[in-house]
Amino acid sequence: MDIVVLQKRLRQFALERHWQPYQTPKNLAMAMVVEAAELVEIFQWMTPEESAQIAQRPEQHQHLGEEIADVMLYLLQIADHSGVDVAAAVERKLALNAIKYPVA
């Protein structure tokens, strides 16, 4: 997946629908939280074992993929509208986590 290409596609998608005035980082973050809640809702009443076996349930597994995609698309749009280089931010965070949580 090419993040920059995907962000360009998302910008074009919004442009074609005249959504630019509404796509502020604040609004996108709020929308992302709503989608994250929908993601959590899939697992709400499952046992840990059931959640680990979701791939065995095709309809729920497809729904899970859709909600993950929604959250990811909003995150990419937030980064794009805020000037955050996602790849660089992820690499930096992984390096910081390695320092914060060293191997025992």
PDB file of N, CA and C in Angstrom:
ATOM      1  N   MET A   1       0.852  -1.170   0.000  1.00  0.00           N
ATOM      2  CA  MET A   1       0.000   0.000   0.000  1.00  0.00           C
ATOM      3  C   MET A   1       0.898   1.233   0.000  1.00  0.00           C
ATOM      4  N   ASP A   2       0.645   2.121  -0.907  1.00  0.00           N
ATOM      5  CA  ASP A   2       1.376   3.389  -1.000  1.00  0.00           C
ATOM      6  C   ASP A   2       0.535   4.468  -0.313  1.00  0.00           C
ATOM      7  N   ILE A   3       0.989   4.905   0.848  1.00  0.00           N
ATOM      8  CA  ILE A   3       0.227   5.860   1.654  1.00  0.00           C
ATOM      9  C   ILE A   3      -0.002   7.168   0.913  1.00  0.00           C
ATOM     10  N   VAL A   4       1.030   7.674   0.260  1.00  0.00           N
ATOM     11  CA  VAL A   4       0.913   8.955  -0.445  1.00  0.00           C
ATOM     12  C   VAL A   4      -0.117   8.858  -1.571  1.00  0.00           C
ATOM     13  N   VAL A   5      -0.097   7.778  -2.302  1.00  0.00           N
ATOM     14  CA  VAL A   5      -1.074   7.577  -3.384  1.00  0.00           C
ATOM     15  C   VAL A   5      -2.479   7.473  -2.808  1.00  0.00           C
ATOM     16  N   LEU A   6      -2.620   6.757  -1.717  1.00  0.00           N
ATOM     17  CA  LEU A   6      -3.928   6.610  -1.086  1.00  0.00           C
ATOM     18  C   LEU A   6      -4.445   7.960  -0.593  1.00  0.00           C
ATOM     19  N   GLN A   7      -3.582   8.765   0.006  1.00  0.00           N
ATOM     20  CA  GLN A   7      -3.997  10.096   0.452  1.00  0.00           C
ATOM     21  C   GLN A   7      -4.426  10.961  -0.733  1.00  0.00           C
ATOM     22  N   LYS A   8      -3.729  10.839  -1.849  1.00  0.00           N
ATOM     23  CA  LYS A   8      -4.121  11.585  -3.054  1.00  0.00           C
ATOM     24  C   LYS A   8      -5.505  11.136  -3.529  1.00  0.00           C
ATOM     25  N   ARG A   9      -5.758   9.838  -3.501  1.00  0.00           N
ATOM     26  CA  ARG A   9      -7.080   9.319  -3.886  1.00  0.00           C
ATOM     27  C   ARG A   9      -8.165   9.845  -2.957  1.00  0.00           C
ATOM     28  N   LEU A  10      -7.876   9.893  -1.666  1.00  0.00           N
ATOM     29  CA  LEU A  10      -8.847  10.407  -0.699  1.00  0.00           C
ATOM     30  C   LEU A  10      -9.119  11.889  -0.922  1.00  0.00           C
ATOM     31  N   ARG A  11      -8.063  12.663  -1.238  1.00  0.00           N
ATOM     32  CA  ARG A  11      -8.263  14.091  -1.536  1.00  0.00           C
ATOM     33  C   ARG A  11      -9.145  14.255  -2.760  1.00  0.00           C
ATOM     34  N   GLN A  12      -8.917  13.458  -3.803  1.00  0.00           N
ATOM     35  CA  GLN A  12      -9.713  13.537  -5.025  1.00  0.00           C
ATOM     36  C   GLN A  12     -11.162  13.135  -4.755  1.00  0.00           C
ATOM     37  N   PHE A  13     -11.347  12.085  -3.976  1.00  0.00           N
ATOM     38  CA  PHE A  13     -12.680  11.618  -3.609  1.00  0.00           C
ATOM     39  C   PHE A  13     -13.458  12.744  -2.924  1.00  0.00           C
ATOM     40  N   ALA A  14     -12.815  13.412  -1.960  1.00  0.00           N
ATOM     41  CA  ALA A  14     -13.456  14.520  -1.238  1.00  0.00           C
ATOM     42  C   ALA A  14     -13.706  15.709  -2.162  1.00  0.00           C
ATOM     43  N   LEU A  15     -12.758  16.004  -3.030  1.00  0.00           N
ATOM     44  CA  LEU A  15     -12.893  17.117  -3.971  1.00  0.00           C
ATOM     45  C   LEU A  15     -14.113  16.926  -4.874  1.00  0.00           C
ATOM     46  N   GLU A  16     -14.278  15.730  -5.398  1.00  0.00           N
ATOM     47  CA  GLU A  16     -15.397  15.434  -6.291  1.00  0.00           C
ATOM     48  C   GLU A  16     -16.744  15.584  -5.605  1.00  0.00           C
ATOM     49  N   ARG A  17     -16.756  15.470  -4.297  1.00  0.00           N
ATOM     50  CA  ARG A  17     -18.006  15.550  -3.531  1.00  0.00           C
ATOM     51  C   ARG A  17     -18.156  16.875  -2.780  1.00  0.00           C
ATOM     52  N   HIS A  18     -17.190  17.769  -3.002  1.00  0.00           N
ATOM     53  CA  HIS A  18     -17.190  19.106  -2.372  1.00  0.00           C
ATOM     54  C   HIS A  18     -17.190  19.011  -0.844  1.00  0.00           C
ATOM     55  N   TRP A  19     -16.400  18.076  -0.317  1.00  0.00           N
ATOM     56  CA  TRP A  19     -16.341  17.856   1.119  1.00  0.00           C
ATOM     57  C   TRP A  19     -15.235  18.645   1.800  1.00  0.00           C
ATOM     58  N   GLN A  20     -14.371  19.330   1.036  1.00  0.00           N
ATOM     59  CA  GLN A  20     -13.199  19.993   1.616  1.00  0.00           C
ATOM     60  C   GLN A  20     -13.524  20.912   2.799  1.00  0.00           C
ATOM     61  N   PRO A  21     -14.589  21.713   2.748  1.00  0.00           N
ATOM     62  CA  PRO A  21     -14.839  22.606   3.891  1.00  0.00           C
ATOM     63  C   PRO A  21     -15.057  21.867   5.212  1.00  0.00           C
ATOM     64  N   TYR A  22     -15.494  20.627   5.130  1.00  0.00           N
ATOM     65  CA  TYR A  22     -15.825  19.858   6.320  1.00  0.00           C
ATOM     66  C   TYR A  22     -14.671  18.977   6.794  1.00  0.00           C
ATOM     67  N   GLN A  23     -13.683  18.821   5.949  1.00  0.00           N
ATOM     68  CA  GLN A  23     -12.604  17.894   6.284  1.00  0.00           C
ATOM     69  C   GLN A  23     -11.452  18.596   6.998  1.00  0.00           C
ATOM     70  N   THR A  24     -11.755  19.072   8.180  1.00  0.00           N
ATOM     71  CA  THR A  24     -10.734  19.659   9.039  1.00  0.00           C
ATOM     72  C   THR A  24     -10.169  18.537   9.919  1.00  0.00           C
ATOM     73  N   PRO A  25      -8.961  18.709  10.436  1.00  0.00           N
ATOM     74  CA  PRO A  25      -8.429  17.672  11.327  1.00  0.00           C
ATOM     75  C   PRO A  25      -9.373  17.358  12.494  1.00  0.00           C
ATOM     76  N   LYS A  26     -10.008  18.374  13.071  1.00  0.00           N
ATOM     77  CA  LYS A  26     -10.948  18.162  14.178  1.00  0.00           C
ATOM     78  C   LYS A  26     -12.118  17.288  13.737  1.00  0.00           C
ATOM     79  N   ASN A  27     -12.750  17.640  12.633  1.00  0.00           N
ATOM     80  CA  ASN A  27     -13.909  16.868  12.163  1.00  0.00           C
ATOM     81  C   ASN A  27     -13.515  15.449  11.780  1.00  0.00           C
ATOM     82  N   LEU A  28     -12.367  15.305  11.139  1.00  0.00           N
ATOM     83  CA  LEU A  28     -11.908  13.974  10.747  1.00  0.00           C
ATOM     84  C   LEU A  28     -11.598  13.121  11.975  1.00  0.00           C
ATOM     85  N   ALA A  29     -11.011  13.732  13.008  1.00  0.00           N
ATOM     86  CA  ALA A  29     -10.717  12.993  14.238  1.00  0.00           C
ATOM     87  C   ALA A  29     -12.011  12.546  14.914  1.00  0.00           C
ATOM     88  N   MET A  30     -12.995  13.418  14.926  1.00  0.00           N
ATOM     89  CA  MET A  30     -14.279  13.049  15.522  1.00  0.00           C
ATOM     90  C   MET A  30     -14.918  11.892  14.747  1.00  0.00           C
ATOM     91  N   ALA A  31     -14.876  11.955  13.433  1.00  0.00           N
ATOM     92  CA  ALA A  31     -15.440  10.884  12.610  1.00  0.00           C
ATOM     93  C   ALA A  31     -14.681   9.578  12.823  1.00  0.00           C
ATOM     94  N   MET A  32     -13.355   9.681  12.981  1.00  0.00           N
ATOM     95  CA  MET A  32     -12.547   8.493  13.210  1.00  0.00           C
ATOM     96  C   MET A  32     -12.917   7.816  14.524  1.00  0.00           C
ATOM     97  N   VAL A  33     -13.196   8.610  15.551  1.00  0.00           N
ATOM     98  CA  VAL A  33     -13.586   8.047  16.841  1.00  0.00           C
ATOM     99  C   VAL A  33     -14.926   7.302  16.721  1.00  0.00           C
ATOM    100  N   VAL A  34     -15.839   7.836  15.958  1.00  0.00           N
ATOM    101  CA  VAL A  34     -17.117   7.152  15.725  1.00  0.00           C
ATOM    102  C   VAL A  34     -16.866   5.799  15.052  1.00  0.00           C
ATOM    103  N   GLU A  35     -15.991   5.798  14.052  1.00  0.00           N
ATOM    104  CA  GLU A  35     -15.674   4.538  13.363  1.00  0.00           C
ATOM    105  C   GLU A  35     -14.950   3.574  14.293  1.00  0.00           C
ATOM    106  N   ALA A  36     -14.080   4.092  15.157  1.00  0.00           N
ATOM    107  CA  ALA A  36     -13.387   3.230  16.121  1.00  0.00           C
ATOM    108  C   ALA A  36     -14.392   2.588  17.074  1.00  0.00           C
ATOM    109  N   ALA A  37     -15.421   3.334  17.452  1.00  0.00           N
ATOM    110  CA  ALA A  37     -16.471   2.773  18.307  1.00  0.00           C
ATOM    111  C   ALA A  37     -17.204   1.648  17.573  1.00  0.00           C
ATOM    112  N   GLU A  38     -17.431   1.814  16.291  1.00  0.00           N
ATOM    113  CA  GLU A  38     -18.074   0.753  15.510  1.00  0.00           C
ATOM    114  C   GLU A  38     -17.174  -0.479  15.435  1.00  0.00           C
ATOM    115  N   LEU A  39     -15.877  -0.267  15.386  1.00  0.00           N
ATOM    116  CA  LEU A  39     -14.918  -1.369  15.402  1.00  0.00           C
ATOM    117  C   LEU A  39     -14.996  -2.119  16.739  1.00  0.00           C
ATOM    118  N   VAL A  40     -15.013  -1.382  17.832  1.00  0.00           N
ATOM    119  CA  VAL A  40     -15.104  -1.981  19.164  1.00  0.00           C
ATOM    120  C   VAL A  40     -16.419  -2.739  19.325  1.00  0.00           C
ATOM    121  N   GLU A  41     -17.482  -2.187  18.760  1.00  0.00           N
ATOM    122  CA  GLU A  41     -18.802  -2.803  18.901  1.00  0.00           C
ATOM    123  C   GLU A  41     -18.822  -4.240  18.369  1.00  0.00           C
ATOM    124  N   ILE A  42     -18.033  -4.518  17.355  1.00  0.00           N
ATOM    125  CA  ILE A  42     -17.983  -5.878  16.799  1.00  0.00           C
ATOM    126  C   ILE A  42     -17.583  -6.880  17.877  1.00  0.00           C
ATOM    127  N   PHE A  43     -16.656  -6.476  18.740  1.00  0.00           N
ATOM    128  CA  PHE A  43     -16.119  -7.372  19.754  1.00  0.00           C
ATOM    129  C   PHE A  43     -16.813  -7.262  21.114  1.00  0.00           C
ATOM    130  N   GLN A  44     -17.747  -6.347  21.240  1.00  0.00           N
ATOM    131  CA  GLN A  44     -18.300  -5.963  22.535  1.00  0.00           C
ATOM    132  C   GLN A  44     -18.699  -7.134  23.426  1.00  0.00           C
ATOM    133  N   TRP A  45     -19.428  -8.075  22.924  1.00  0.00           N
ATOM    134  CA  TRP A  45     -19.926  -9.151  23.780  1.00  0.00           C
ATOM    135  C   TRP A  45     -19.250 -10.490  23.504  1.00  0.00           C
ATOM    136  N   MET A  46     -18.154 -10.466  22.788  1.00  0.00           N
ATOM    137  CA  MET A  46     -17.418 -11.702  22.525  1.00  0.00           C
ATOM    138  C   MET A  46     -16.486 -12.025  23.693  1.00  0.00           C
ATOM    139  N   THR A  47     -16.249 -13.296  23.883  1.00  0.00           N
ATOM    140  CA  THR A  47     -15.201 -13.698  24.817  1.00  0.00           C
ATOM    141  C   THR A  47     -13.858 -13.460  24.120  1.00  0.00           C
ATOM    142  N   PRO A  48     -12.766 -13.433  24.863  1.00  0.00           N
ATOM    143  CA  PRO A  48     -11.464 -13.304  24.212  1.00  0.00           C
ATOM    144  C   PRO A  48     -11.226 -14.403  23.173  1.00  0.00           C
ATOM    145  N   GLU A  49     -11.683 -15.604  23.485  1.00  0.00           N
ATOM    146  CA  GLU A  49     -11.513 -16.723  22.553  1.00  0.00           C
ATOM    147  C   GLU A  49     -12.322 -16.509  21.269  1.00  0.00           C
ATOM    148  N   GLU A  50     -13.550 -16.035  21.412  1.00  0.00           N
ATOM    149  CA  GLU A  50     -14.377 -15.758  20.225  1.00  0.00           C
ATOM    150  C   GLU A  50     -13.749 -14.664  19.369  1.00  0.00           C
ATOM    151  N   SER A  51     -13.216 -13.646  20.015  1.00  0.00           N
ATOM    152  CA  SER A  51     -12.605 -12.558  19.244  1.00  0.00           C
ATOM    153  C   SER A  51     -11.383 -13.050  18.467  1.00  0.00           C
ATOM    154  N   ALA A  52     -10.643 -13.984  19.051  1.00  0.00           N
ATOM    155  CA  ALA A  52      -9.465 -14.531  18.370  1.00  0.00           C
ATOM    156  C   ALA A  52      -9.843 -15.413  17.184  1.00  0.00           C
ATOM    157  N   GLN A  53     -11.093 -15.852  17.138  1.00  0.00           N
ATOM    158  CA  GLN A  53     -11.560 -16.731  16.066  1.00  0.00           C
ATOM    159  C   GLN A  53     -12.449 -16.017  15.050  1.00  0.00           C
ATOM    160  N   ILE A  54     -12.415 -14.696  15.021  1.00  0.00           N
ATOM    161  CA  ILE A  54     -13.341 -13.959  14.150  1.00  0.00           C
ATOM    162  C   ILE A  54     -13.134 -14.286  12.670  1.00  0.00           C
ATOM    163  N   ALA A  55     -11.942 -14.669  12.296  1.00  0.00           N
ATOM    164  CA  ALA A  55     -11.691 -15.023  10.894  1.00  0.00           C
ATOM    165  C   ALA A  55     -12.505 -16.233  10.459  1.00  0.00           C
ATOM    166  N   GLN A  56     -12.989 -17.011  11.419  1.00  0.00           N
ATOM    167  CA  GLN A  56     -13.806 -18.194  11.130  1.00  0.00           C
ATOM    168  C   GLN A  56     -15.256 -17.835  10.823  1.00  0.00           C
ATOM    169  N   ARG A  57     -15.616 -16.556  11.039  1.00  0.00           N
ATOM    170  CA  ARG A  57     -16.998 -16.114  10.836  1.00  0.00           C
ATOM    171  C   ARG A  57     -16.998 -15.100   9.695  1.00  0.00           C
ATOM    172  N   PRO A  58     -17.202 -15.550   8.469  1.00  0.00           N
ATOM    173  CA  PRO A  58     -17.015 -14.700   7.290  1.00  0.00           C
ATOM    174  C   PRO A  58     -17.749 -13.354   7.319  1.00  0.00           C
ATOM    175  N   GLU A  59     -18.988 -13.343   7.747  1.00  0.00           N
ATOM    176  CA  GLU A  59     -19.746 -12.092   7.738  1.00  0.00           C
ATOM    177  C   GLU A  59     -19.156 -11.084   8.741  1.00  0.00           C
ATOM    178  N   GLN A  60     -18.858 -11.547   9.930  1.00  0.00           N
ATOM    179  CA  GLN A  60     -18.259 -10.666  10.931  1.00  0.00           C
ATOM    180  C   GLN A  60     -16.844 -10.247  10.528  1.00  0.00           C
ATOM    181  N   HIS A  61     -16.113 -11.159   9.923  1.00  0.00           N
ATOM    182  CA  HIS A  61     -14.752 -10.865   9.489  1.00  0.00           C
ATOM    183  C   HIS A  61     -14.753  -9.771   8.415  1.00  0.00           C
ATOM    184  N   GLN A  62     -15.695  -9.850   7.486  1.00  0.00           N
ATOM    185  CA  GLN A  62     -15.816  -8.815   6.464  1.00  0.00           C
ATOM    186  C   GLN A  62     -16.165  -7.468   7.103  1.00  0.00           C
ATOM    187  N   HIS A  63     -17.102  -7.476   8.033  1.00  0.00           N
ATOM    188  CA  HIS A  63     -17.499  -6.256   8.736  1.00  0.00           C
ATOM    189  C   HIS A  63     -16.291  -5.668   9.478  1.00  0.00           C
ATOM    190  N   LEU A  64     -15.506  -6.515  10.121  1.00  0.00           N
ATOM    191  CA  LEU A  64     -14.303  -6.080  10.813  1.00  0.00           C
ATOM    192  C   LEU A  64     -13.349  -5.370   9.852  1.00  0.00           C
ATOM    193  N   GLY A  65     -13.133  -5.949   8.694  1.00  0.00           N
ATOM    194  CA  GLY A  65     -12.259  -5.331   7.698  1.00  0.00           C
ATOM    195  C   GLY A  65     -12.759  -3.965   7.262  1.00  0.00           C
ATOM    196  N   GLU A  66     -14.071  -3.843   7.106  1.00  0.00           N
ATOM    197  CA  GLU A  66     -14.655  -2.561   6.706  1.00  0.00           C
ATOM    198  C   GLU A  66     -14.439  -1.494   7.767  1.00  0.00           C
ATOM    199  N   GLU A  67     -14.619  -1.863   9.028  1.00  0.00           N
ATOM    200  CA  GLU A  67     -14.443  -0.883  10.112  1.00  0.00           C
ATOM    201  C   GLU A  67     -12.968  -0.520  10.290  1.00  0.00           C
ATOM    202  N   ILE A  68     -12.080  -1.495  10.156  1.00  0.00           N
ATOM    203  CA  ILE A  68     -10.648  -1.197  10.203  1.00  0.00           C
ATOM    204  C   ILE A  68     -10.279  -0.228   9.088  1.00  0.00           C
ATOM    205  N   ALA A  69     -10.809  -0.468   7.892  1.00  0.00           N
ATOM    206  CA  ALA A  69     -10.540   0.421   6.764  1.00  0.00           C
ATOM    207  C   ALA A  69     -11.066   1.827   7.034  1.00  0.00           C
ATOM    208  N   ASP A  70     -12.264   1.939   7.601  1.00  0.00           N
ATOM    209  CA  ASP A  70     -12.813   3.260   7.914  1.00  0.00           C
ATOM    210  C   ASP A  70     -11.881   4.033   8.853  1.00  0.00           C
ATOM    211  N   VAL A  71     -11.433   3.373   9.918  1.00  0.00           N
ATOM    212  CA  VAL A  71     -10.542   4.031  10.881  1.00  0.00           C
ATOM    213  C   VAL A  71      -9.244   4.445  10.192  1.00  0.00           C
ATOM    214  N   MET A  72      -8.687   3.543   9.402  1.00  0.00           N
ATOM    215  CA  MET A  72      -7.427   3.838   8.727  1.00  0.00           C
ATOM    216  C   MET A  72      -7.557   4.992   7.732  1.00  0.00           C
ATOM    217  N   LEU A  73      -8.648   5.005   6.988  1.00  0.00           N
ATOM    218  CA  LEU A  73      -8.848   6.087   6.014  1.00  0.00           C
ATOM    219  C   LEU A  73      -8.962   7.435   6.705  1.00  0.00           C
ATOM    220  N   TYR A  74      -9.672   7.476   7.814  1.00  0.00           N
ATOM    221  CA  TYR A  74      -9.750   8.734   8.561  1.00  0.00           C
ATOM    222  C   TYR A  74      -8.394   9.130   9.123  1.00  0.00           C
ATOM    223  N   LEU A  75      -7.633   8.186   9.640  1.00  0.00           N
ATOM    224  CA  LEU A  75      -6.295   8.496  10.150  1.00  0.00           C
ATOM    225  C   LEU A  75      -5.406   9.081   9.050  1.00  0.00           C
ATOM    226  N   LEU A  76      -5.471   8.475   7.876  1.00  0.00           N
ATOM    227  CA  LEU A  76      -4.671   8.980   6.764  1.00  0.00           C
ATOM    228  C   LEU A  76      -5.094  10.391   6.352  1.00  0.00           C
ATOM    229  N   GLN A  77      -6.392  10.657   6.413  1.00  0.00           N
ATOM    230  CA  GLN A  77      -6.867  12.001   6.074  1.00  0.00           C
ATOM    231  C   GLN A  77      -6.450  13.019   7.130  1.00  0.00           C
ATOM    232  N   ILE A  78      -6.507  12.629   8.405  1.00  0.00           N
ATOM    233  CA  ILE A  78      -6.061  13.527   9.468  1.00  0.00           C
ATOM    234  C   ILE A  78      -4.591  13.878   9.255  1.00  0.00           C
ATOM    235  N   ALA A  79      -3.784  12.869   8.988  1.00  0.00           N
ATOM    236  CA  ALA A  79      -2.358  13.096   8.752  1.00  0.00           C
ATOM    237  C   ALA A  79      -2.145  14.003   7.546  1.00  0.00           C
ATOM    238  N   ASP A  80      -2.866  13.749   6.483  1.00  0.00           N
ATOM    239  CA  ASP A  80      -2.732  14.538   5.257  1.00  0.00           C
ATOM    240  C   ASP A  80      -3.090  16.000   5.505  1.00  0.00           C
ATOM    241  N   HIS A  81      -4.197  16.237   6.167  1.00  0.00           N
ATOM    242  CA  HIS A  81      -4.652  17.608   6.426  1.00  0.00           C
ATOM    243  C   HIS A  81      -3.803  18.317   7.475  1.00  0.00           C
ATOM    244  N   SER A  82      -3.035  17.549   8.237  1.00  0.00           N
ATOM    245  CA  SER A  82      -2.199  18.126   9.291  1.00  0.00           C
ATOM    246  C   SER A  82      -0.721  18.164   8.927  1.00  0.00           C
ATOM    247  N   GLY A  83      -0.383  17.657   7.751  1.00  0.00           N
ATOM    248  CA  GLY A  83       1.010  17.664   7.316  1.00  0.00           C
ATOM    249  C   GLY A  83       1.902  16.672   8.045  1.00  0.00           C
ATOM    250  N   VAL A  84       1.325  15.565   8.497  1.00  0.00           N
ATOM    251  CA  VAL A  84       2.113  14.537   9.177  1.00  0.00           C
ATOM    252  C   VAL A  84       2.519  13.471   8.164  1.00  0.00           C
ATOM    253  N   ASP A  85       3.817  13.201   8.105  1.00  0.00           N
ATOM    254  CA  ASP A  85       4.346  12.121   7.274  1.00  0.00           C
ATOM    255  C   ASP A  85       4.125  10.820   8.052  1.00  0.00           C
ATOM    256  N   VAL A  86       3.149  10.038   7.631  1.00  0.00           N
ATOM    257  CA  VAL A  86       2.744   8.841   8.374  1.00  0.00           C
ATOM    258  C   VAL A  86       3.900   7.849   8.487  1.00  0.00           C
ATOM    259  N   ALA A  87       4.577   7.579   7.403  1.00  0.00           N
ATOM    260  CA  ALA A  87       5.675   6.604   7.440  1.00  0.00           C
ATOM    261  C   ALA A  87       6.758   7.047   8.416  1.00  0.00           C
ATOM    262  N   ALA A  88       7.123   8.312   8.387  1.00  0.00           N
ATOM    263  CA  ALA A  88       8.155   8.827   9.300  1.00  0.00           C
ATOM    264  C   ALA A  88       7.670   8.786  10.741  1.00  0.00           C
ATOM    265  N   ALA A  89       6.401   9.135  10.969  1.00  0.00           N
ATOM    266  CA  ALA A  89       5.847   9.124  12.318  1.00  0.00           C
ATOM    267  C   ALA A  89       5.828   7.702  12.885  1.00  0.00           C
ATOM    268  N   VAL A  90       5.467   6.727  12.065  1.00  0.00           N
ATOM    269  CA  VAL A  90       5.432   5.338  12.510  1.00  0.00           C
ATOM    270  C   VAL A  90       6.844   4.853  12.847  1.00  0.00           C
ATOM    271  N   GLU A  91       7.802   5.146  11.982  1.00  0.00           N
ATOM    272  CA  GLU A  91       9.184   4.733  12.252  1.00  0.00           C
ATOM    273  C   GLU A  91       9.714   5.356  13.531  1.00  0.00           C
ATOM    274  N   ARG A  92       9.437   6.639  13.722  1.00  0.00           N
ATOM    275  CA  ARG A  92       9.883   7.332  14.930  1.00  0.00           C
ATOM    276  C   ARG A  92       9.240   6.710  16.172  1.00  0.00           C
ATOM    277  N   LYS A  93       7.943   6.428  16.104  1.00  0.00           N
ATOM    278  CA  LYS A  93       7.241   5.849  17.242  1.00  0.00           C
ATOM    279  C   LYS A  93       7.753   4.451  17.559  1.00  0.00           C
ATOM    280  N   LEU A  94       8.029   3.649  16.541  1.00  0.00           N
ATOM    281  CA  LEU A  94       8.584   2.315  16.779  1.00  0.00           C
ATOM    282  C   LEU A  94       9.942   2.412  17.470  1.00  0.00           C
ATOM    283  N   ALA A  95      10.770   3.358  17.050  1.00  0.00           N
ATOM    284  CA  ALA A  95      12.078   3.555  17.677  1.00  0.00           C
ATOM    285  C   ALA A  95      11.921   4.000  19.128  1.00  0.00           C
ATOM    286  N   LEU A  96      10.985   4.922  19.379  1.00  0.00           N
ATOM    287  CA  LEU A  96      10.732   5.367  20.752  1.00  0.00           C
ATOM    288  C   LEU A  96      10.216   4.223  21.620  1.00  0.00           C
ATOM    289  N   ASN A  97       9.332   3.395  21.072  1.00  0.00           N
ATOM    290  CA  ASN A  97       8.807   2.257  21.826  1.00  0.00           C
ATOM    291  C   ASN A  97       9.904   1.245  22.149  1.00  0.00           C
ATOM    292  N   ALA A  98      10.854   1.068  21.233  1.00  0.00           N
ATOM    293  CA  ALA A  98      11.957   0.143  21.479  1.00  0.00           C
ATOM    294  C   ALA A  98      12.818   0.621  22.651  1.00  0.00           C
ATOM    295  N   ILE A  99      12.967   1.934  22.768  1.00  0.00           N
ATOM    296  CA  ILE A  99      13.719   2.496  23.896  1.00  0.00           C
ATOM    297  C   ILE A  99      12.906   2.374  25.179  1.00  0.00           C
ATOM    298  N   LYS A 100      11.639   2.702  25.101  1.00  0.00           N
ATOM    299  CA  LYS A 100      10.768   2.696  26.275  1.00  0.00           C
ATOM    300  C   LYS A 100      10.525   1.278  26.799  1.00  0.00           C
ATOM    301  N   TYR A 101      10.453   0.305  25.905  1.00  0.00           N
ATOM    302  CA  TYR A 101      10.168  -1.078  26.269  1.00  0.00           C
ATOM    303  C   TYR A 101      11.268  -1.997  25.733  1.00  0.00           C
ATOM    304  N   PRO A 102      12.444  -1.943  26.339  1.00  0.00           N
ATOM    305  CA  PRO A 102      13.550  -2.779  25.832  1.00  0.00           C
ATOM    306  C   PRO A 102      13.292  -4.260  26.068  1.00  0.00           C
ATOM    307  N   VAL A 103      13.929  -5.080  25.270  1.00  0.00           N
ATOM    308  CA  VAL A 103      13.840  -6.528  25.446  1.00  0.00           C
ATOM    309  C   VAL A 103      14.546  -6.881  26.751  1.00  0.00           C
ATOM    310  N   ALA A 104      13.897  -7.704  27.548  1.00  0.00           N
ATOM    311  CA  ALA A 104      14.457  -8.052  28.865  1.00  0.00           C
ATOM    312  C   ALA A 104      15.726  -8.874  28.736  1.00  0.00           C
TER     313      ALA A 104
END
